[in-house]
Amino acid sequence: MTKYISAYLATAVVMIVLDLLWLGVIATPLYQQGLGHLMAERPNLMAAAAFYVLYVFGLLMFTIVPQAADASWLKTAATAAMFGFVAYATYDLSNLATLRDWPVWLSLIDMTWGAVLSAVAAIAGRFAWDRFA
């Protein structure tokens, strides 16, 4: 049980810190340019918290735990990157399909970010998992 908790917490911390840096500093101008007219003044923190709780659980159960017996961290990173790309694509492509003026360029950036963020966060979770193995 300690492995699961430590991997979950490590994944969550890395994911939240990197995503806050991305959303709050690095990509803010991109999102303002592409979605400024849709953005809320203040984010819905309960919805954000629910996303992180569920998404980190998904990373743990679908990418970290299944790869734990394998010595290759690269497989964990690759699986997590695919998971992130597909999850973020679900959001972005649904918005492209249903919302007027949703920018394609921003969707491509967002899907790439989902892949990178997921891979890095899962590596942190994998490190914590292996440490308690």
N, C-alpha and C. Protein backbone atom coordinates (compact mmCIF):
# COMPACT_ATOMS: atom_id res chain seq x y z
N MET A 1 0.82 -1.20 0.00
CA MET A 1 0.00 0.00 0.00
C MET A 1 0.86 1.26 0.00
N THR A 2 2.00 1.21 0.68
CA THR A 2 2.91 2.36 0.72
C THR A 2 3.39 2.73 -0.67
N LYS A 3 3.62 1.71 -1.52
CA LYS A 3 4.06 1.97 -2.89
C LYS A 3 3.02 2.78 -3.64
N TYR A 4 1.75 2.40 -3.50
CA TYR A 4 0.67 3.09 -4.20
C TYR A 4 0.55 4.54 -3.74
N ILE A 5 0.59 4.73 -2.44
CA ILE A 5 0.44 6.08 -1.89
C ILE A 5 1.61 6.96 -2.27
N SER A 6 2.82 6.44 -2.14
CA SER A 6 3.99 7.25 -2.47
C SER A 6 4.04 7.56 -3.97
N ALA A 7 3.70 6.60 -4.81
CA ALA A 7 3.69 6.84 -6.25
C ALA A 7 2.60 7.85 -6.62
N TYR A 8 1.44 7.73 -6.00
CA TYR A 8 0.35 8.67 -6.26
C TYR A 8 0.77 10.09 -5.87
N LEU A 9 1.31 10.23 -4.67
CA LEU A 9 1.69 11.56 -4.19
C LEU A 9 2.82 12.17 -5.02
N ALA A 10 3.81 11.38 -5.38
CA ALA A 10 4.91 11.90 -6.20
C ALA A 10 4.39 12.34 -7.57
N THR A 11 3.53 11.53 -8.16
CA THR A 11 2.95 11.87 -9.46
C THR A 11 2.13 13.15 -9.34
N ALA A 12 1.32 13.24 -8.31
CA ALA A 12 0.46 14.41 -8.13
C ALA A 12 1.26 15.68 -7.93
N VAL A 13 2.27 15.63 -7.08
CA VAL A 13 3.06 16.83 -6.80
C VAL A 13 3.74 17.33 -8.08
N VAL A 14 4.39 16.42 -8.79
CA VAL A 14 5.09 16.83 -10.02
C VAL A 14 4.10 17.35 -11.05
N MET A 15 2.99 16.67 -11.21
CA MET A 15 2.01 17.10 -12.21
C MET A 15 1.43 18.47 -11.87
N ILE A 16 1.06 18.68 -10.64
CA ILE A 16 0.44 19.95 -10.25
C ILE A 16 1.45 21.09 -10.35
N VAL A 17 2.66 20.89 -9.86
CA VAL A 17 3.68 21.95 -9.92
C VAL A 17 3.97 22.32 -11.38
N LEU A 18 4.20 21.32 -12.22
CA LEU A 18 4.50 21.61 -13.62
C LEU A 18 3.32 22.24 -14.35
N ASP A 19 2.11 21.76 -14.06
CA ASP A 19 0.94 22.31 -14.72
C ASP A 19 0.66 23.74 -14.27
N LEU A 20 0.88 24.03 -12.99
CA LEU A 20 0.73 25.41 -12.52
C LEU A 20 1.74 26.33 -13.19
N LEU A 21 2.95 25.85 -13.34
CA LEU A 21 3.98 26.63 -14.03
C LEU A 21 3.58 26.85 -15.49
N TRP A 22 3.11 25.80 -16.14
CA TRP A 22 2.69 25.89 -17.54
C TRP A 22 1.50 26.84 -17.70
N LEU A 23 0.44 26.57 -16.94
CA LEU A 23 -0.78 27.36 -17.10
C LEU A 23 -0.66 28.77 -16.55
N GLY A 24 0.10 28.92 -15.47
CA GLY A 24 0.18 30.21 -14.81
C GLY A 24 1.25 31.14 -15.33
N VAL A 25 2.26 30.60 -16.00
CA VAL A 25 3.38 31.44 -16.44
C VAL A 25 3.69 31.25 -17.92
N ILE A 26 4.08 30.05 -18.29
CA ILE A 26 4.61 29.81 -19.63
C ILE A 26 3.56 29.98 -20.72
N ALA A 27 2.43 29.32 -20.59
CA ALA A 27 1.45 29.29 -21.67
C ALA A 27 0.31 30.29 -21.52
N THR A 28 0.34 31.10 -20.49
CA THR A 28 -0.74 32.06 -20.28
C THR A 28 -1.01 32.91 -21.52
N PRO A 29 0.02 33.48 -22.16
CA PRO A 29 -0.26 34.28 -23.36
C PRO A 29 -0.91 33.47 -24.49
N LEU A 30 -0.53 32.21 -24.62
CA LEU A 30 -1.12 31.37 -25.66
C LEU A 30 -2.61 31.15 -25.41
N TYR A 31 -2.94 30.81 -24.17
CA TYR A 31 -4.34 30.57 -23.84
C TYR A 31 -5.15 31.86 -23.91
N GLN A 32 -4.57 32.97 -23.53
CA GLN A 32 -5.26 34.26 -23.64
C GLN A 32 -5.54 34.58 -25.10
N GLN A 33 -4.56 34.35 -25.95
CA GLN A 33 -4.72 34.63 -27.38
C GLN A 33 -5.77 33.73 -28.01
N GLY A 34 -5.72 32.46 -27.70
CA GLY A 34 -6.62 31.51 -28.34
C GLY A 34 -7.99 31.38 -27.70
N LEU A 35 -8.05 31.57 -26.39
CA LEU A 35 -9.30 31.30 -25.67
C LEU A 35 -9.73 32.42 -24.73
N GLY A 36 -9.10 33.57 -24.83
CA GLY A 36 -9.37 34.65 -23.89
C GLY A 36 -10.84 34.95 -23.71
N HIS A 37 -11.60 34.89 -24.79
CA HIS A 37 -13.03 35.20 -24.72
C HIS A 37 -13.82 34.12 -23.97
N LEU A 38 -13.25 32.96 -23.79
CA LEU A 38 -13.93 31.86 -23.10
C LEU A 38 -13.46 31.67 -21.65
N MET A 39 -12.33 32.27 -21.32
CA MET A 39 -11.71 32.00 -20.02
C MET A 39 -12.43 32.71 -18.87
N ALA A 40 -12.57 31.98 -17.77
CA ALA A 40 -13.14 32.56 -16.56
C ALA A 40 -12.08 33.45 -15.89
N GLU A 41 -12.55 34.45 -15.17
CA GLU A 41 -11.61 35.30 -14.43
C GLU A 41 -10.84 34.49 -13.39
N ARG A 42 -11.54 33.59 -12.75
CA ARG A 42 -10.93 32.72 -11.74
C ARG A 42 -11.28 31.28 -12.07
N PRO A 43 -10.31 30.40 -11.98
CA PRO A 43 -10.61 29.00 -12.28
C PRO A 43 -11.51 28.37 -11.22
N ASN A 44 -12.26 27.38 -11.62
CA ASN A 44 -13.10 26.62 -10.70
C ASN A 44 -12.18 25.61 -10.01
N LEU A 45 -11.79 25.91 -8.79
CA LEU A 45 -10.80 25.10 -8.09
C LEU A 45 -11.31 23.70 -7.75
N MET A 46 -12.59 23.56 -7.51
CA MET A 46 -13.14 22.23 -7.23
C MET A 46 -13.05 21.34 -8.47
N ALA A 47 -13.38 21.89 -9.62
CA ALA A 47 -13.27 21.12 -10.87
C ALA A 47 -11.81 20.78 -11.15
N ALA A 48 -10.91 21.73 -10.90
CA ALA A 48 -9.48 21.48 -11.11
C ALA A 48 -8.99 20.38 -10.18
N ALA A 49 -9.39 20.43 -8.92
CA ALA A 49 -8.98 19.41 -7.95
C ALA A 49 -9.50 18.04 -8.36
N ALA A 50 -10.76 17.98 -8.80
CA ALA A 50 -11.33 16.70 -9.25
C ALA A 50 -10.55 16.15 -10.44
N PHE A 51 -10.19 17.04 -11.37
CA PHE A 51 -9.39 16.61 -12.52
C PHE A 51 -8.07 15.99 -12.07
N TYR A 52 -7.33 16.69 -11.21
CA TYR A 52 -6.02 16.19 -10.79
C TYR A 52 -6.13 14.87 -10.02
N VAL A 53 -7.11 14.76 -9.14
CA VAL A 53 -7.31 13.52 -8.38
C VAL A 53 -7.55 12.35 -9.33
N LEU A 54 -8.45 12.54 -10.29
CA LEU A 54 -8.79 11.46 -11.22
C LEU A 54 -7.68 11.18 -12.22
N TYR A 55 -7.08 12.23 -12.74
CA TYR A 55 -6.04 12.05 -13.76
C TYR A 55 -4.82 11.35 -13.18
N VAL A 56 -4.40 11.75 -12.00
CA VAL A 56 -3.25 11.11 -11.36
C VAL A 56 -3.57 9.64 -11.05
N PHE A 57 -4.80 9.37 -10.64
CA PHE A 57 -5.22 7.98 -10.43
C PHE A 57 -5.09 7.19 -11.74
N GLY A 58 -5.52 7.80 -12.85
CA GLY A 58 -5.39 7.15 -14.15
C GLY A 58 -3.94 6.88 -14.52
N LEU A 59 -3.07 7.87 -14.30
CA LEU A 59 -1.65 7.66 -14.57
C LEU A 59 -1.09 6.51 -13.73
N LEU A 60 -1.46 6.48 -12.46
CA LEU A 60 -0.98 5.42 -11.57
C LEU A 60 -1.44 4.04 -12.05
N MET A 61 -2.73 3.90 -12.28
CA MET A 61 -3.30 2.59 -12.57
C MET A 61 -3.06 2.10 -14.00
N PHE A 62 -2.90 3.03 -14.95
CA PHE A 62 -2.76 2.62 -16.35
C PHE A 62 -1.35 2.73 -16.90
N THR A 63 -0.46 3.41 -16.18
CA THR A 63 0.90 3.56 -16.71
C THR A 63 1.98 3.14 -15.72
N ILE A 64 1.85 3.48 -14.46
CA ILE A 64 2.91 3.19 -13.49
C ILE A 64 2.83 1.75 -12.98
N VAL A 65 1.68 1.37 -12.45
CA VAL A 65 1.53 0.03 -11.88
C VAL A 65 1.74 -1.07 -12.94
N PRO A 66 1.14 -0.98 -14.13
CA PRO A 66 1.36 -2.04 -15.12
C PRO A 66 2.82 -2.18 -15.57
N GLN A 67 3.58 -1.11 -15.50
CA GLN A 67 4.98 -1.14 -15.93
C GLN A 67 5.95 -1.41 -14.77
N ALA A 68 5.44 -1.53 -13.56
CA ALA A 68 6.30 -1.61 -12.38
C ALA A 68 7.22 -2.83 -12.38
N ALA A 69 6.77 -3.93 -12.95
CA ALA A 69 7.60 -5.14 -12.97
C ALA A 69 8.71 -5.05 -14.02
N ASP A 70 8.56 -4.14 -14.95
CA ASP A 70 9.55 -3.96 -16.01
C ASP A 70 10.63 -3.01 -15.53
N ALA A 71 11.84 -3.31 -15.85
CA ALA A 71 12.95 -2.46 -15.41
C ALA A 71 13.07 -1.17 -16.21
N SER A 72 12.32 -1.07 -17.30
CA SER A 72 12.47 0.07 -18.20
C SER A 72 11.60 1.26 -17.81
N TRP A 73 12.26 2.33 -17.41
CA TRP A 73 11.54 3.57 -17.13
C TRP A 73 11.05 4.19 -18.43
N LEU A 74 11.74 3.89 -19.52
CA LEU A 74 11.35 4.40 -20.83
C LEU A 74 9.96 3.92 -21.22
N LYS A 75 9.65 2.66 -20.90
CA LYS A 75 8.31 2.13 -21.18
C LYS A 75 7.25 2.86 -20.35
N THR A 76 7.58 3.14 -19.10
CA THR A 76 6.65 3.90 -18.26
C THR A 76 6.42 5.28 -18.86
N ALA A 77 7.48 5.95 -19.25
CA ALA A 77 7.36 7.29 -19.84
C ALA A 77 6.58 7.25 -21.14
N ALA A 78 6.86 6.26 -21.99
CA ALA A 78 6.17 6.16 -23.27
C ALA A 78 4.68 5.87 -23.09
N THR A 79 4.36 4.96 -22.18
CA THR A 79 2.96 4.64 -21.91
C THR A 79 2.23 5.86 -21.34
N ALA A 80 2.88 6.56 -20.44
CA ALA A 80 2.27 7.76 -19.85
C ALA A 80 2.10 8.85 -20.90
N ALA A 81 3.07 9.01 -21.78
CA ALA A 81 2.95 10.01 -22.85
C ALA A 81 1.76 9.69 -23.75
N MET A 82 1.59 8.43 -24.09
CA MET A 82 0.43 8.04 -24.91
C MET A 82 -0.87 8.29 -24.16
N PHE A 83 -0.89 7.93 -22.88
CA PHE A 83 -2.07 8.17 -22.05
C PHE A 83 -2.41 9.66 -22.04
N GLY A 84 -1.40 10.50 -21.82
CA GLY A 84 -1.61 11.94 -21.76
C GLY A 84 -2.07 12.51 -23.08
N PHE A 85 -1.46 12.05 -24.16
CA PHE A 85 -1.85 12.54 -25.48
C PHE A 85 -3.31 12.20 -25.76
N VAL A 86 -3.71 10.96 -25.51
CA VAL A 86 -5.08 10.54 -25.77
C VAL A 86 -6.07 11.27 -24.86
N ALA A 87 -5.73 11.40 -23.58
CA ALA A 87 -6.63 12.09 -22.65
C ALA A 87 -6.82 13.56 -23.04
N TYR A 88 -5.72 14.24 -23.32
CA TYR A 88 -5.82 15.65 -23.71
C TYR A 88 -6.47 15.79 -25.08
N ALA A 89 -6.24 14.84 -25.98
CA ALA A 89 -6.88 14.87 -27.30
C ALA A 89 -8.39 14.72 -27.17
N THR A 90 -8.84 13.92 -26.21
CA THR A 90 -10.27 13.76 -25.99
C THR A 90 -10.91 15.12 -25.71
N TYR A 91 -10.29 15.88 -24.84
CA TYR A 91 -10.77 17.23 -24.50
C TYR A 91 -10.67 18.16 -25.70
N ASP A 92 -9.49 18.24 -26.29
CA ASP A 92 -9.25 19.21 -27.36
C ASP A 92 -10.05 18.90 -28.62
N LEU A 93 -10.10 17.66 -29.02
CA LEU A 93 -10.83 17.32 -30.24
C LEU A 93 -12.34 17.43 -30.05
N SER A 94 -12.82 17.14 -28.84
CA SER A 94 -14.24 17.37 -28.56
C SER A 94 -14.57 18.85 -28.67
N ASN A 95 -13.68 19.69 -28.16
CA ASN A 95 -13.90 21.14 -28.28
C ASN A 95 -13.83 21.59 -29.73
N LEU A 96 -12.90 21.05 -30.50
CA LEU A 96 -12.83 21.38 -31.93
C LEU A 96 -14.11 20.98 -32.65
N ALA A 97 -14.69 19.88 -32.23
CA ALA A 97 -15.90 19.38 -32.88
C ALA A 97 -17.15 20.16 -32.50
N THR A 98 -17.15 20.75 -31.31
CA THR A 98 -18.41 21.32 -30.81
C THR A 98 -18.40 22.83 -30.56
N LEU A 99 -17.23 23.44 -30.48
CA LEU A 99 -17.17 24.86 -30.14
C LEU A 99 -16.70 25.69 -31.33
N ARG A 100 -17.37 26.77 -31.56
CA ARG A 100 -16.99 27.67 -32.64
C ARG A 100 -15.69 28.38 -32.28
N ASP A 101 -14.84 28.53 -33.26
CA ASP A 101 -13.59 29.27 -33.13
C ASP A 101 -12.58 28.66 -32.15
N TRP A 102 -12.70 27.38 -31.87
CA TRP A 102 -11.69 26.74 -31.03
C TRP A 102 -10.42 26.59 -31.87
N PRO A 103 -9.28 27.09 -31.41
CA PRO A 103 -8.08 27.11 -32.25
C PRO A 103 -7.38 25.74 -32.37
N VAL A 104 -7.19 25.32 -33.61
CA VAL A 104 -6.49 24.06 -33.87
C VAL A 104 -5.08 24.11 -33.32
N TRP A 105 -4.39 25.22 -33.52
CA TRP A 105 -2.99 25.34 -33.09
C TRP A 105 -2.86 25.16 -31.58
N LEU A 106 -3.85 25.67 -30.83
CA LEU A 106 -3.79 25.53 -29.38
C LEU A 106 -4.06 24.08 -28.96
N SER A 107 -4.93 23.42 -29.69
CA SER A 107 -5.19 22.01 -29.40
C SER A 107 -3.94 21.17 -29.59
N LEU A 108 -3.19 21.44 -30.65
CA LEU A 108 -1.95 20.69 -30.90
C LEU A 108 -0.92 20.93 -29.79
N ILE A 109 -0.82 22.17 -29.36
CA ILE A 109 0.09 22.49 -28.24
C ILE A 109 -0.38 21.79 -26.97
N ASP A 110 -1.68 21.84 -26.71
CA ASP A 110 -2.23 21.26 -25.48
C ASP A 110 -2.07 19.74 -25.46
N MET A 111 -2.29 19.09 -26.58
CA MET A 111 -2.12 17.63 -26.64
C MET A 111 -0.65 17.24 -26.44
N THR A 112 0.24 18.04 -27.00
CA THR A 112 1.67 17.79 -26.79
C THR A 112 2.03 17.98 -25.33
N TRP A 113 1.50 19.04 -24.72
CA TRP A 113 1.75 19.28 -23.30
C TRP A 113 1.22 18.12 -22.46
N GLY A 114 0.04 17.62 -22.78
CA GLY A 114 -0.51 16.49 -22.04
C GLY A 114 0.40 15.27 -22.08
N ALA A 115 1.01 15.03 -23.23
CA ALA A 115 1.94 13.90 -23.37
C ALA A 115 3.20 14.12 -22.54
N VAL A 116 3.78 15.30 -22.64
CA VAL A 116 5.02 15.60 -21.91
C VAL A 116 4.78 15.60 -20.41
N LEU A 117 3.75 16.30 -19.98
CA LEU A 117 3.43 16.39 -18.55
C LEU A 117 3.18 15.01 -17.96
N SER A 118 2.41 14.20 -18.65
CA SER A 118 2.09 12.87 -18.15
C SER A 118 3.33 12.00 -18.04
N ALA A 119 4.21 12.08 -19.03
CA ALA A 119 5.44 11.28 -18.99
C ALA A 119 6.32 11.68 -17.82
N VAL A 120 6.51 12.97 -17.62
CA VAL A 120 7.38 13.44 -16.53
C VAL A 120 6.77 13.10 -15.17
N ALA A 121 5.47 13.32 -15.02
CA ALA A 121 4.81 13.01 -13.75
C ALA A 121 4.86 11.52 -13.45
N ALA A 122 4.67 10.69 -14.48
CA ALA A 122 4.71 9.24 -14.27
C ALA A 122 6.11 8.76 -13.91
N ILE A 123 7.12 9.40 -14.46
CA ILE A 123 8.50 9.04 -14.08
C ILE A 123 8.72 9.31 -12.59
N ALA A 124 8.18 10.43 -12.11
CA ALA A 124 8.29 10.73 -10.67
C ALA A 124 7.56 9.66 -9.86
N GLY A 125 6.37 9.28 -10.32
CA GLY A 125 5.62 8.23 -9.63
C GLY A 125 6.33 6.89 -9.67
N ARG A 126 6.94 6.59 -10.80
CA ARG A 126 7.68 5.34 -10.95
C ARG A 126 8.89 5.32 -10.02
N PHE A 127 9.58 6.45 -9.90
CA PHE A 127 10.71 6.55 -8.99
C PHE A 127 10.26 6.25 -7.56
N ALA A 128 9.14 6.87 -7.14
CA ALA A 128 8.63 6.63 -5.79
C ALA A 128 8.22 5.16 -5.62
N TRP A 129 7.59 4.59 -6.64
CA TRP A 129 7.18 3.18 -6.58
C TRP A 129 8.40 2.28 -6.38
N ASP A 130 9.42 2.50 -7.20
CA ASP A 130 10.63 1.67 -7.11
C ASP A 130 11.35 1.84 -5.78
N ARG A 131 11.30 3.01 -5.24
CA ARG A 131 11.97 3.30 -3.97
C ARG A 131 11.36 2.48 -2.83
N PHE A 132 10.06 2.21 -2.91
CA PHE A 132 9.38 1.46 -1.86
C PHE A 132 9.15 0.00 -2.23
N ALA A 133 9.76 -0.45 -3.31
CA ALA A 133 9.57 -1.85 -3.76
C ALA A 133 10.29 -2.82 -2.83
